[in-house]
Structures are given as structure tokens and as C-alpha cells.
């Protein structure tokens, strides 16, 4: 389990875990677009919230990866800091919330647009290992760093 004595910003995760989560998210968001289900998008929002606030290891897709997928793979060869993917989960949560508001209030176009944007980001991560939210995190970190 996670060592809670280590600050979240320095925890490291197997790079395959977030990609697995992105693949599952891609499928869920495709189903949301096909069905227009604001409730399914709300469930995905809960997944994003757990990943963002409790950590990737406690998120539902992280647990699936750890218990069902990772044991069938070889040992991890690469790790990454957990902070950027957690930030990406928070960004996904924002898009999910906007999408849920759109779908459940009858503004379907807003729901579809927010879902489609989240889907594009999840697909990029799943297919090409390019995490838009992680890149946003790094950009914000560079901008916050004081000039020397």
C-alpha cells in the first residue's frame, strides 16, 4: 500500500497504471457520448475525484490495474511522479462536472462537448502515452517557479 509518510508530490507510480486507467476512461467516455448518459459521466467523475484527491493507487482503475493487470505483466521498468497524473485526474473531473451539468440540465451540446474533450485527452494518453493534464501540470509548475 501507499506509504503515507512520503509526500504525495514525491510518490512514484508504474507508468502503465495511468495508461490503463486512460484506456478504461476512453471506453467509458465513448459510451457516454453514444448513450448521452449524464449519470455514467457522473460515475466517471467520481473516479476522477478519487484519483485526484485520494491518489491513483486508491482510484478504482488504479485498484483494477494493481490487482488484475499488473500481476500478469512483467515488473515495471519505468515510474513517474504521481503528482502530474493526479492533476490530470482533477482536470478530467472539471470536464466531467461540466459535462454532467450539460447532460442533466438538458444542454446536451455542452455535455457532449465536455465529454468529447475529456475523451480526446484520455485517448491521447491511452494510445500514445501523451498526458495533456500532465503537460499542463508541468507548465504550471514552470510558471510558478521564481525566476533566478
C-alpha atoms as a PDB file:
ATOM      1  CA  UNK A   1       0.000   0.000   0.000  1.00  0.00           C
ATOM      2  CA  UNK A   2       0.989   3.654  -0.183  1.00  0.00           C
ATOM      3  CA  UNK A   3       3.493   4.923   2.346  1.00  0.00           C
ATOM      4  CA  UNK A   4       1.604   7.874   3.820  1.00  0.00           C
ATOM      5  CA  UNK A   5       4.820   9.296   5.292  1.00  0.00           C
ATOM      6  CA  UNK A   6       6.031  10.168   1.792  1.00  0.00           C
ATOM      7  CA  UNK A   7       4.594  13.453   0.468  1.00  0.00           C
ATOM      8  CA  UNK A   8       2.176  12.907  -2.433  1.00  0.00           C
ATOM      9  CA  UNK A   9       4.340  15.037  -4.730  1.00  0.00           C
ATOM     10  CA  UNK A  10       7.224  12.564  -4.409  1.00  0.00           C
ATOM     11  CA  UNK A  11       5.261   9.301  -4.730  1.00  0.00           C
ATOM     12  CA  UNK A  12       6.002   7.331  -7.872  1.00  0.00           C
ATOM     13  CA  UNK A  13       3.709   5.102  -9.894  1.00  0.00           C
ATOM     14  CA  UNK A  14       4.196   2.461 -12.567  1.00  0.00           C
ATOM     15  CA  UNK A  15       3.674   4.347 -15.854  1.00  0.00           C
ATOM     16  CA  UNK A  16       1.466   1.545 -17.150  1.00  0.00           C
ATOM     17  CA  UNK A  17      -1.160   2.186 -14.462  1.00  0.00           C
ATOM     18  CA  UNK A  18      -2.276   5.648 -15.624  1.00  0.00           C
ATOM     19  CA  UNK A  19      -2.291   4.437 -19.247  1.00  0.00           C
ATOM     20  CA  UNK A  20      -4.545   1.535 -18.254  1.00  0.00           C
ATOM     21  CA  UNK A  21      -6.826   3.984 -16.457  1.00  0.00           C
ATOM     22  CA  UNK A  22      -6.865   6.203 -19.531  1.00  0.00           C
ATOM     23  CA  UNK A  23      -7.855   3.233 -21.708  1.00  0.00           C
ATOM     24  CA  UNK A  24     -10.770   2.360 -19.431  1.00  0.00           C
ATOM     25  CA  UNK A  25     -11.742   6.030 -19.270  1.00  0.00           C
ATOM     26  CA  UNK A  26     -11.685   6.192 -23.073  1.00  0.00           C
ATOM     27  CA  UNK A  27     -14.195   3.347 -23.275  1.00  0.00           C
ATOM     28  CA  UNK A  28     -16.431   4.846 -20.586  1.00  0.00           C
ATOM     29  CA  UNK A  29     -16.430   8.266 -22.263  1.00  0.00           C
ATOM     30  CA  UNK A  30     -17.226   6.709 -25.642  1.00  0.00           C
ATOM     31  CA  UNK A  31     -20.235   5.012 -24.064  1.00  0.00           C
ATOM     32  CA  UNK A  32     -21.269   8.349 -22.536  1.00  0.00           C
ATOM     33  CA  UNK A  33     -21.127  10.021 -25.958  1.00  0.00           C
ATOM     34  CA  UNK A  34     -23.093   7.195 -27.579  1.00  0.00           C
ATOM     35  CA  UNK A  35     -25.767   6.982 -24.881  1.00  0.00           C
ATOM     36  CA  UNK A  36     -25.834  10.574 -23.640  1.00  0.00           C
ATOM     37  CA  UNK A  37     -25.842   9.264 -20.081  1.00  0.00           C
ATOM     38  CA  UNK A  38     -25.099  12.062 -17.649  1.00  0.00           C
ATOM     39  CA  UNK A  39     -25.231   9.525 -14.816  1.00  0.00           C
ATOM     40  CA  UNK A  40     -22.458   7.422 -16.335  1.00  0.00           C
ATOM     41  CA  UNK A  41     -20.417  10.583 -16.769  1.00  0.00           C
ATOM     42  CA  UNK A  42     -21.101  11.383 -13.102  1.00  0.00           C
ATOM     43  CA  UNK A  43     -19.738   7.950 -12.163  1.00  0.00           C
ATOM     44  CA  UNK A  44     -16.611   8.670 -14.221  1.00  0.00           C
ATOM     45  CA  UNK A  45     -16.395  11.996 -12.402  1.00  0.00           C
ATOM     46  CA  UNK A  46     -16.296  10.117  -9.101  1.00  0.00           C
ATOM     47  CA  UNK A  47     -13.421   8.024 -10.489  1.00  0.00           C
ATOM     48  CA  UNK A  48     -11.597  11.230 -11.436  1.00  0.00           C
ATOM     49  CA  UNK A  49     -12.257  12.722  -7.987  1.00  0.00           C
ATOM     50  CA  UNK A  50     -10.866   9.701  -6.141  1.00  0.00           C
ATOM     51  CA  UNK A  51      -7.771   9.710  -8.353  1.00  0.00           C
ATOM     52  CA  UNK A  52      -7.230  13.423  -7.878  1.00  0.00           C
ATOM     53  CA  UNK A  53      -7.825  13.639  -4.139  1.00  0.00           C
ATOM     54  CA  UNK A  54      -7.038  10.175  -2.721  1.00  0.00           C
ATOM     55  CA  UNK A  55      -4.322   9.176  -5.182  1.00  0.00           C
ATOM     56  CA  UNK A  56      -4.005   6.868  -8.165  1.00  0.00           C
ATOM     57  CA  UNK A  57      -3.450   3.785  -6.029  1.00  0.00           C
ATOM     58  CA  UNK A  58      -6.836   4.254  -4.365  1.00  0.00           C
ATOM     59  CA  UNK A  59      -8.717   5.138  -7.549  1.00  0.00           C
ATOM     60  CA  UNK A  60     -10.969   2.393  -8.952  1.00  0.00           C
ATOM     61  CA  UNK A  61      -8.957   1.941 -12.159  1.00  0.00           C
ATOM     62  CA  UNK A  62      -5.714   2.008 -10.170  1.00  0.00           C
ATOM     63  CA  UNK A  63      -7.039  -0.791  -7.972  1.00  0.00           C
ATOM     64  CA  UNK A  64      -8.091  -2.796 -11.045  1.00  0.00           C
ATOM     65  CA  UNK A  65      -4.642  -2.322 -12.521  1.00  0.00           C
ATOM     66  CA  UNK A  66      -2.856  -3.279  -9.302  1.00  0.00           C
ATOM     67  CA  UNK A  67      -4.902  -6.405  -8.612  1.00  0.00           C
ATOM     68  CA  UNK A  68      -5.876  -7.726 -12.057  1.00  0.00           C
ATOM     69  CA  UNK A  69      -3.498  -6.351 -14.686  1.00  0.00           C
ATOM     70  CA  UNK A  70      -0.092  -5.681 -13.129  1.00  0.00           C
ATOM     71  CA  UNK A  71       0.329  -9.245 -11.752  1.00  0.00           C
ATOM     72  CA  UNK A  72       0.040 -10.528 -15.339  1.00  0.00           C
ATOM     73  CA  UNK A  73       2.698  -8.155 -16.646  1.00  0.00           C
ATOM     74  CA  UNK A  74       6.409  -8.174 -16.090  1.00  0.00           C
ATOM     75  CA  UNK A  75       7.880  -5.973 -13.389  1.00  0.00           C
ATOM     76  CA  UNK A  76       7.649  -2.249 -14.053  1.00  0.00           C
ATOM     77  CA  UNK A  77      10.550  -0.741 -15.936  1.00  0.00           C
ATOM     78  CA  UNK A  78       9.554   2.906 -15.621  1.00  0.00           C
ATOM     79  CA  UNK A  79       7.996   5.036 -12.930  1.00  0.00           C
ATOM     80  CA  UNK A  80       6.698   8.590 -12.866  1.00  0.00           C
ATOM     81  CA  UNK A  81       5.837  11.094 -10.182  1.00  0.00           C
ATOM     82  CA  UNK A  82       2.219  10.727  -9.109  1.00  0.00           C
ATOM     83  CA  UNK A  83       1.549  14.488  -8.963  1.00  0.00           C
ATOM     84  CA  UNK A  84       1.132  15.162 -12.723  1.00  0.00           C
ATOM     85  CA  UNK A  85      -1.347  12.293 -13.311  1.00  0.00           C
ATOM     86  CA  UNK A  86      -3.272  13.324 -10.187  1.00  0.00           C
ATOM     87  CA  UNK A  87      -3.509  16.837 -11.594  1.00  0.00           C
ATOM     88  CA  UNK A  88      -4.734  15.303 -14.868  1.00  0.00           C
ATOM     89  CA  UNK A  89      -7.441  13.498 -12.887  1.00  0.00           C
ATOM     90  CA  UNK A  90      -8.506  16.849 -11.430  1.00  0.00           C
ATOM     91  CA  UNK A  91      -8.711  18.334 -14.928  1.00  0.00           C
ATOM     92  CA  UNK A  92     -10.789  15.335 -16.008  1.00  0.00           C
ATOM     93  CA  UNK A  93     -13.054  15.944 -13.022  1.00  0.00           C
ATOM     94  CA  UNK A  94     -13.666  19.532 -14.137  1.00  0.00           C
ATOM     95  CA  UNK A  95     -14.637  18.379 -17.633  1.00  0.00           C
ATOM     96  CA  UNK A  96     -16.835  15.630 -16.185  1.00  0.00           C
ATOM     97  CA  UNK A  97     -18.624  18.128 -13.919  1.00  0.00           C
ATOM     98  CA  UNK A  98     -19.258  20.486 -16.821  1.00  0.00           C
ATOM     99  CA  UNK A  99     -20.485  17.551 -18.905  1.00  0.00           C
ATOM    100  CA  UNK A 100     -22.798  16.289 -16.163  1.00  0.00           C
ATOM    101  CA  UNK A 101     -24.267  19.764 -15.752  1.00  0.00           C
ATOM    102  CA  UNK A 102     -24.842  19.871 -19.500  1.00  0.00           C
ATOM    103  CA  UNK A 103     -26.441  16.457 -19.791  1.00  0.00           C
ATOM    104  CA  UNK A 104     -28.598  16.666 -16.680  1.00  0.00           C
ATOM    105  CA  UNK A 105     -29.795  20.219 -17.324  1.00  0.00           C
ATOM    106  CA  UNK A 106     -30.816  19.459 -20.899  1.00  0.00           C
ATOM    107  CA  UNK A 107     -27.954  21.372 -22.534  1.00  0.00           C
ATOM    108  CA  UNK A 108     -26.825  18.237 -24.342  1.00  0.00           C
ATOM    109  CA  UNK A 109     -24.369  20.074 -26.590  1.00  0.00           C
ATOM    110  CA  UNK A 110     -22.428  21.234 -23.522  1.00  0.00           C
ATOM    111  CA  UNK A 111     -22.403  17.694 -22.136  1.00  0.00           C
ATOM    112  CA  UNK A 112     -21.224  16.274 -25.437  1.00  0.00           C
ATOM    113  CA  UNK A 113     -18.519  18.919 -25.899  1.00  0.00           C
ATOM    114  CA  UNK A 114     -17.082  18.458 -22.409  1.00  0.00           C
ATOM    115  CA  UNK A 115     -17.196  14.675 -22.767  1.00  0.00           C
ATOM    116  CA  UNK A 116     -15.551  14.810 -26.191  1.00  0.00           C
ATOM    117  CA  UNK A 117     -12.691  16.955 -24.870  1.00  0.00           C
ATOM    118  CA  UNK A 118     -12.116  14.601 -21.935  1.00  0.00           C
ATOM    119  CA  UNK A 119     -12.300  11.660 -24.351  1.00  0.00           C
ATOM    120  CA  UNK A 120      -9.654  13.212 -26.611  1.00  0.00           C
ATOM    121  CA  UNK A 121      -7.293  13.657 -23.655  1.00  0.00           C
ATOM    122  CA  UNK A 122      -7.897  10.124 -22.354  1.00  0.00           C
ATOM    123  CA  UNK A 123      -7.368   8.637 -25.817  1.00  0.00           C
ATOM    124  CA  UNK A 124      -4.080  10.516 -26.296  1.00  0.00           C
ATOM    125  CA  UNK A 125      -2.807   9.070 -23.030  1.00  0.00           C
ATOM    126  CA  UNK A 126      -4.075   5.546 -23.679  1.00  0.00           C
ATOM    127  CA  UNK A 127      -2.887   5.304 -27.285  1.00  0.00           C
ATOM    128  CA  UNK A 128       0.229   7.463 -27.357  1.00  0.00           C
ATOM    129  CA  UNK A 129       1.292   7.906 -23.712  1.00  0.00           C
ATOM    130  CA  UNK A 130       0.766  11.651 -24.091  1.00  0.00           C
ATOM    131  CA  UNK A 131      -0.926  13.047 -20.998  1.00  0.00           C
ATOM    132  CA  UNK A 132      -2.344  16.513 -21.639  1.00  0.00           C
ATOM    133  CA  UNK A 133      -3.154  17.087 -17.975  1.00  0.00           C
ATOM    134  CA  UNK A 134       0.389  16.077 -17.021  1.00  0.00           C
ATOM    135  CA  UNK A 135       1.783  18.553 -19.529  1.00  0.00           C
ATOM    136  CA  UNK A 136      -0.487  21.242 -18.061  1.00  0.00           C
ATOM    137  CA  UNK A 137       0.862  20.388 -14.597  1.00  0.00           C
ATOM    138  CA  UNK A 138       4.449  20.788 -15.776  1.00  0.00           C
ATOM    139  CA  UNK A 139       3.653  24.091 -17.495  1.00  0.00           C
ATOM    140  CA  UNK A 140       2.000  25.456 -14.342  1.00  0.00           C
ATOM    141  CA  UNK A 141       4.964  24.263 -12.253  1.00  0.00           C
ATOM    142  CA  UNK A 142       7.401  26.080 -14.582  1.00  0.00           C
ATOM    143  CA  UNK A 143       5.314  29.250 -14.479  1.00  0.00           C
ATOM    144  CA  UNK A 144       5.151  29.177 -10.668  1.00  0.00           C
ATOM    145  CA  UNK A 145       8.900  28.711 -10.301  1.00  0.00           C
ATOM    146  CA  UNK A 146      10.516  32.045  -9.398  1.00  0.00           C
ATOM    147  CA  UNK A 147      12.931  33.485 -11.923  1.00  0.00           C
ATOM    148  CA  UNK A 148      16.574  33.281 -10.880  1.00  0.00           C
END
